[in-house]
Amino acid sequence: MNINGLQLQQGVILSLNKQVQETVQAQAATLLEGFAQTQQSIQEAQAPHPVAGKVLDIRA
C-alpha cells in the first residue's frame, strides 16, 4: 500500500472511531437520563410508612 492509501485508511479509521465515540456518548447520556427519571418516579410513588420511626416497641 502506498502513502496515499495508508493516509486514506487512517482517515477512515479515525472518522469511524469518532462516530462510534459520539454514538456511545449519546447512548450513555440517554441511559443515564432514563435512569434518573425512573429513580425519581420510584421515589414519588413510594408512600411513607404510617408509623415507621414514630413508635418504639420495646419488650423486656
PDB file of N, CA and C in Angstrom:
ATOM      1  N   MET A   1       0.854  -1.175   0.000  1.00  0.00           N
ATOM      2  CA  MET A   1       0.000   0.000   0.000  1.00  0.00           C
ATOM      3  C   MET A   1       0.900   1.238   0.000  1.00  0.00           C
ATOM      4  N   ASN A   2       0.561   2.204  -0.809  1.00  0.00           N
ATOM      5  CA  ASN A   2       1.372   3.412  -0.868  1.00  0.00           C
ATOM      6  C   ASN A   2       0.961   4.405   0.220  1.00  0.00           C
ATOM      7  N   ILE A   3       1.653   5.521   0.273  1.00  0.00           N
ATOM      8  CA  ILE A   3       1.426   6.536   1.311  1.00  0.00           C
ATOM      9  C   ILE A   3      -0.009   7.062   1.261  1.00  0.00           C
ATOM     10  N   ASN A   4      -0.523   7.340   0.069  1.00  0.00           N
ATOM     11  CA  ASN A   4      -1.887   7.868  -0.058  1.00  0.00           C
ATOM     12  C   ASN A   4      -2.914   6.855   0.442  1.00  0.00           C
ATOM     13  N   GLY A   5      -2.685   5.592   0.148  1.00  0.00           N
ATOM     14  CA  GLY A   5      -3.587   4.535   0.617  1.00  0.00           C
ATOM     15  C   GLY A   5      -3.587   4.426   2.127  1.00  0.00           C
ATOM     16  N   LEU A   6      -2.403   4.522   2.728  1.00  0.00           N
ATOM     17  CA  LEU A   6      -2.308   4.462   4.183  1.00  0.00           C
ATOM     18  C   LEU A   6      -2.980   5.666   4.835  1.00  0.00           C
ATOM     19  N   GLN A   7      -2.776   6.832   4.246  1.00  0.00           N
ATOM     20  CA  GLN A   7      -3.408   8.043   4.781  1.00  0.00           C
ATOM     21  C   GLN A   7      -4.929   7.941   4.686  1.00  0.00           C
ATOM     22  N   LEU A   8      -5.410   7.420   3.568  1.00  0.00           N
ATOM     23  CA  LEU A   8      -6.849   7.238   3.399  1.00  0.00           C
ATOM     24  C   LEU A   8      -7.384   6.255   4.429  1.00  0.00           C
ATOM     25  N   GLN A   9      -6.672   5.154   4.613  1.00  0.00           N
ATOM     26  CA  GLN A   9      -7.099   4.140   5.586  1.00  0.00           C
ATOM     27  C   GLN A   9      -7.122   4.734   6.996  1.00  0.00           C
ATOM     28  N   GLN A  10      -6.094   5.476   7.362  1.00  0.00           N
ATOM     29  CA  GLN A  10      -6.047   6.100   8.684  1.00  0.00           C
ATOM     30  C   GLN A  10      -7.171   7.116   8.838  1.00  0.00           C
ATOM     31  N   GLY A  11      -7.453   7.864   7.799  1.00  0.00           N
ATOM     32  CA  GLY A  11      -8.535   8.850   7.845  1.00  0.00           C
ATOM     33  C   GLY A  11      -9.883   8.193   8.061  1.00  0.00           C
ATOM     34  N   VAL A  12     -10.107   7.087   7.361  1.00  0.00           N
ATOM     35  CA  VAL A  12     -11.366   6.354   7.513  1.00  0.00           C
ATOM     36  C   VAL A  12     -11.483   5.786   8.920  1.00  0.00           C
ATOM     37  N   ILE A  13     -10.411   5.209   9.424  1.00  0.00           N
ATOM     38  CA  ILE A  13     -10.419   4.635  10.775  1.00  0.00           C
ATOM     39  C   ILE A  13     -10.690   5.713  11.818  1.00  0.00           C
ATOM     40  N   LEU A  14     -10.041   6.867  11.688  1.00  0.00           N
ATOM     41  CA  LEU A  14     -10.263   7.957  12.638  1.00  0.00           C
ATOM     42  C   LEU A  14     -11.703   8.457  12.574  1.00  0.00           C
ATOM     43  N   SER A  15     -12.243   8.556  11.378  1.00  0.00           N
ATOM     44  CA  SER A  15     -13.620   9.012  11.209  1.00  0.00           C
ATOM     45  C   SER A  15     -14.605   8.030  11.854  1.00  0.00           C
ATOM     46  N   LEU A  16     -14.395   6.748  11.588  1.00  0.00           N
ATOM     47  CA  LEU A  16     -15.271   5.734  12.180  1.00  0.00           C
ATOM     48  C   LEU A  16     -15.152   5.720  13.704  1.00  0.00           C
ATOM     49  N   ASN A  17     -13.927   5.875  14.194  1.00  0.00           N
ATOM     50  CA  ASN A  17     -13.700   5.896  15.639  1.00  0.00           C
ATOM     51  C   ASN A  17     -14.452   7.065  16.279  1.00  0.00           C
ATOM     52  N   LYS A  18     -14.396   8.226  15.641  1.00  0.00           N
ATOM     53  CA  LYS A  18     -15.104   9.407  16.154  1.00  0.00           C
ATOM     54  C   LYS A  18     -16.602   9.168  16.164  1.00  0.00           C
ATOM     55  N   GLN A  19     -17.131   8.581  15.105  1.00  0.00           N
ATOM     56  CA  GLN A  19     -18.569   8.297  15.028  1.00  0.00           C
ATOM     57  C   GLN A  19     -19.001   7.321  16.119  1.00  0.00           C
ATOM     58  N   VAL A  20     -18.184   6.303  16.359  1.00  0.00           N
ATOM     59  CA  VAL A  20     -18.505   5.321  17.399  1.00  0.00           C
ATOM     60  C   VAL A  20     -18.490   5.989  18.771  1.00  0.00           C
ATOM     61  N   GLN A  21     -17.494   6.819  19.037  1.00  0.00           N
ATOM     62  CA  GLN A  21     -17.420   7.517  20.323  1.00  0.00           C
ATOM     63  C   GLN A  21     -18.629   8.419  20.540  1.00  0.00           C
ATOM     64  N   GLU A  22     -19.035   9.147  19.504  1.00  0.00           N
ATOM     65  CA  GLU A  22     -20.194  10.029  19.624  1.00  0.00           C
ATOM     66  C   GLU A  22     -21.470   9.229  19.870  1.00  0.00           C
ATOM     67  N   THR A  23     -21.593   8.086  19.209  1.00  0.00           N
ATOM     68  CA  THR A  23     -22.767   7.237  19.399  1.00  0.00           C
ATOM     69  C   THR A  23     -22.812   6.694  20.823  1.00  0.00           C
ATOM     70  N   VAL A  24     -21.686   6.231  21.307  1.00  0.00           N
ATOM     71  CA  VAL A  24     -21.623   5.689  22.675  1.00  0.00           C
ATOM     72  C   VAL A  24     -21.938   6.775  23.696  1.00  0.00           C
ATOM     73  N   GLN A  25     -21.419   7.967  23.492  1.00  0.00           N
ATOM     74  CA  GLN A  25     -21.704   9.067  24.415  1.00  0.00           C
ATOM     75  C   GLN A  25     -23.189   9.416  24.416  1.00  0.00           C
ATOM     76  N   ALA A  26     -23.801   9.436  23.252  1.00  0.00           N
ATOM     77  CA  ALA A  26     -25.221   9.753  23.158  1.00  0.00           C
ATOM     78  C   ALA A  26     -26.061   8.666  23.840  1.00  0.00           C
ATOM     79  N   GLN A  27     -25.683   7.414  23.637  1.00  0.00           N
ATOM     80  CA  GLN A  27     -26.415   6.313  24.271  1.00  0.00           C
ATOM     81  C   GLN A  27     -26.259   6.355  25.778  1.00  0.00           C
ATOM     82  N   ALA A  28     -25.066   6.657  26.260  1.00  0.00           N
ATOM     83  CA  ALA A  28     -24.836   6.740  27.698  1.00  0.00           C
ATOM     84  C   ALA A  28     -25.649   7.877  28.314  1.00  0.00           C
ATOM     85  N   ALA A  29     -25.696   9.014  27.647  1.00  0.00           N
ATOM     86  CA  ALA A  29     -26.476  10.147  28.150  1.00  0.00           C
ATOM     87  C   ALA A  29     -27.957   9.794  28.219  1.00  0.00           C
ATOM     88  N   THR A  30     -28.459   9.125  27.188  1.00  0.00           N
ATOM     89  CA  THR A  30     -29.863   8.702  27.174  1.00  0.00           C
ATOM     90  C   THR A  30     -30.138   7.703  28.290  1.00  0.00           C
ATOM     91  N   LEU A  31     -29.232   6.769  28.479  1.00  0.00           N
ATOM     92  CA  LEU A  31     -29.388   5.762  29.530  1.00  0.00           C
ATOM     93  C   LEU A  31     -29.414   6.408  30.911  1.00  0.00           C
ATOM     94  N   LEU A  32     -28.488   7.323  31.165  1.00  0.00           N
ATOM     95  CA  LEU A  32     -28.434   7.980  32.471  1.00  0.00           C
ATOM     96  C   LEU A  32     -29.650   8.862  32.713  1.00  0.00           C
ATOM     97  N   GLU A  33     -30.130   9.515  31.685  1.00  0.00           N
ATOM     98  CA  GLU A  33     -31.326  10.348  31.828  1.00  0.00           C
ATOM     99  C   GLU A  33     -32.543   9.477  32.154  1.00  0.00           C
ATOM    100  N   GLY A  34     -32.669   8.374  31.453  1.00  0.00           N
ATOM    101  CA  GLY A  34     -33.770   7.444  31.731  1.00  0.00           C
ATOM    102  C   GLY A  34     -33.683   6.868  33.128  1.00  0.00           C
ATOM    103  N   PHE A  35     -32.477   6.554  33.569  1.00  0.00           N
ATOM    104  CA  PHE A  35     -32.279   6.014  34.921  1.00  0.00           C
ATOM    105  C   PHE A  35     -32.696   7.044  35.965  1.00  0.00           C
ATOM    106  N   ALA A  36     -32.297   8.298  35.773  1.00  0.00           N
ATOM    107  CA  ALA A  36     -32.651   9.359  36.723  1.00  0.00           C
ATOM    108  C   ALA A  36     -34.171   9.550  36.779  1.00  0.00           C
ATOM    109  N   GLN A  37     -34.818   9.515  35.631  1.00  0.00           N
ATOM    110  CA  GLN A  37     -36.276   9.661  35.605  1.00  0.00           C
ATOM    111  C   GLN A  37     -36.962   8.489  36.297  1.00  0.00           C
ATOM    112  N   THR A  38     -36.446   7.295  36.090  1.00  0.00           N
ATOM    113  CA  THR A  38     -37.016   6.109  36.744  1.00  0.00           C
ATOM    114  C   THR A  38     -36.859   6.199  38.254  1.00  0.00           C
ATOM    115  N   GLN A  39     -35.687   6.600  38.722  1.00  0.00           N
ATOM    116  CA  GLN A  39     -35.459   6.733  40.162  1.00  0.00           C
ATOM    117  C   GLN A  39     -36.407   7.767  40.766  1.00  0.00           C
ATOM    118  N   GLN A  40     -36.590   8.877  40.077  1.00  0.00           N
ATOM    119  CA  GLN A  40     -37.483   9.918  40.571  1.00  0.00           C
ATOM    120  C   GLN A  40     -38.923   9.403  40.626  1.00  0.00           C
ATOM    121  N   SER A  41     -39.339   8.669  39.614  1.00  0.00           N
ATOM    122  CA  SER A  41     -40.694   8.110  39.591  1.00  0.00           C
ATOM    123  C   SER A  41     -40.907   7.136  40.739  1.00  0.00           C
ATOM    124  N   ILE A  42     -39.893   6.327  41.023  1.00  0.00           N
ATOM    125  CA  ILE A  42     -39.992   5.363  42.118  1.00  0.00           C
ATOM    126  C   ILE A  42     -40.118   6.092  43.452  1.00  0.00           C
ATOM    127  N   GLN A  43     -39.300   7.116  43.643  1.00  0.00           N
ATOM    128  CA  GLN A  43     -39.342   7.858  44.895  1.00  0.00           C
ATOM    129  C   GLN A  43     -40.679   8.575  45.068  1.00  0.00           C
ATOM    130  N   GLU A  44     -41.227   9.118  44.009  1.00  0.00           N
ATOM    131  CA  GLU A  44     -42.505   9.806  44.093  1.00  0.00           C
ATOM    132  C   GLU A  44     -43.649   8.840  44.354  1.00  0.00           C
ATOM    133  N   ALA A  45     -43.515   7.610  43.877  1.00  0.00           N
ATOM    134  CA  ALA A  45     -44.590   6.633  44.025  1.00  0.00           C
ATOM    135  C   ALA A  45     -44.614   5.987  45.408  1.00  0.00           C
ATOM    136  N   GLN A  46     -43.526   6.059  46.129  1.00  0.00           N
ATOM    137  CA  GLN A  46     -43.469   5.412  47.440  1.00  0.00           C
ATOM    138  C   GLN A  46     -44.129   6.300  48.492  1.00  0.00           C
ATOM    139  N   ALA A  47     -45.125   5.752  49.134  1.00  0.00           N
ATOM    140  CA  ALA A  47     -45.789   6.469  50.218  1.00  0.00           C
ATOM    141  C   ALA A  47     -45.032   6.181  51.513  1.00  0.00           C
ATOM    142  N   PRO A  48     -44.946   7.165  52.375  1.00  0.00           N
ATOM    143  CA  PRO A  48     -44.274   6.916  53.651  1.00  0.00           C
ATOM    144  C   PRO A  48     -45.048   5.905  54.485  1.00  0.00           C
ATOM    145  N   HIS A  49     -44.339   5.150  55.264  1.00  0.00           N
ATOM    146  CA  HIS A  49     -44.976   4.174  56.145  1.00  0.00           C
ATOM    147  C   HIS A  49     -45.736   4.926  57.233  1.00  0.00           C
ATOM    148  N   PRO A  50     -46.943   4.501  57.566  1.00  0.00           N
ATOM    149  CA  PRO A  50     -47.768   5.284  58.503  1.00  0.00           C
ATOM    150  C   PRO A  50     -47.195   5.414  59.915  1.00  0.00           C
ATOM    151  N   VAL A  51     -46.421   4.432  60.377  1.00  0.00           N
ATOM    152  CA  VAL A  51     -45.903   4.525  61.746  1.00  0.00           C
ATOM    153  C   VAL A  51     -44.393   4.349  61.833  1.00  0.00           C
ATOM    154  N   ALA A  52     -43.734   4.206  60.728  1.00  0.00           N
ATOM    155  CA  ALA A  52     -42.303   3.965  60.755  1.00  0.00           C
ATOM    156  C   ALA A  52     -41.558   5.118  61.449  1.00  0.00           C
ATOM    157  N   GLY A  53     -40.797   4.780  62.453  1.00  0.00           N
ATOM    158  CA  GLY A  53     -39.996   5.775  63.162  1.00  0.00           C
ATOM    159  C   GLY A  53     -40.768   6.580  64.183  1.00  0.00           C
ATOM    160  N   LYS A  54     -42.064   6.360  64.317  1.00  0.00           N
ATOM    161  CA  LYS A  54     -42.865   7.131  65.259  1.00  0.00           C
ATOM    162  C   LYS A  54     -43.165   6.360  66.533  1.00  0.00           C
ATOM    163  N   VAL A  55     -43.146   5.051  66.463  1.00  0.00           N
ATOM    164  CA  VAL A  55     -43.496   4.222  67.615  1.00  0.00           C
ATOM    165  C   VAL A  55     -42.356   3.269  67.898  1.00  0.00           C
ATOM    166  N   LEU A  56     -41.932   3.207  69.159  1.00  0.00           N
ATOM    167  CA  LEU A  56     -40.916   2.254  69.561  1.00  0.00           C
ATOM    168  C   LEU A  56     -41.593   1.098  70.288  1.00  0.00           C
ATOM    169  N   ASP A  57     -41.259  -0.098  69.874  1.00  0.00           N
ATOM    170  CA  ASP A  57     -41.822  -1.290  70.515  1.00  0.00           C
ATOM    171  C   ASP A  57     -40.703  -1.939  71.314  1.00  0.00           C
ATOM    172  N   ILE A  58     -40.685  -1.657  72.613  1.00  0.00           N
ATOM    173  CA  ILE A  58     -39.629  -2.185  73.480  1.00  0.00           C
ATOM    174  C   ILE A  58     -40.244  -3.221  74.402  1.00  0.00           C
ATOM    175  N   ARG A  59     -39.730  -4.429  74.326  1.00  0.00           N
ATOM    176  CA  ARG A  59     -40.240  -5.516  75.169  1.00  0.00           C
ATOM    177  C   ARG A  59     -39.096  -6.090  75.992  1.00  0.00           C
ATOM    178  N   ALA A  60     -39.415  -6.437  77.221  1.00  0.00           N
ATOM    179  CA  ALA A  60     -38.403  -6.987  78.112  1.00  0.00           C
ATOM    180  C   ALA A  60     -38.347  -8.488  77.990  1.00  0.00           C
TER     181      ALA A  60
END
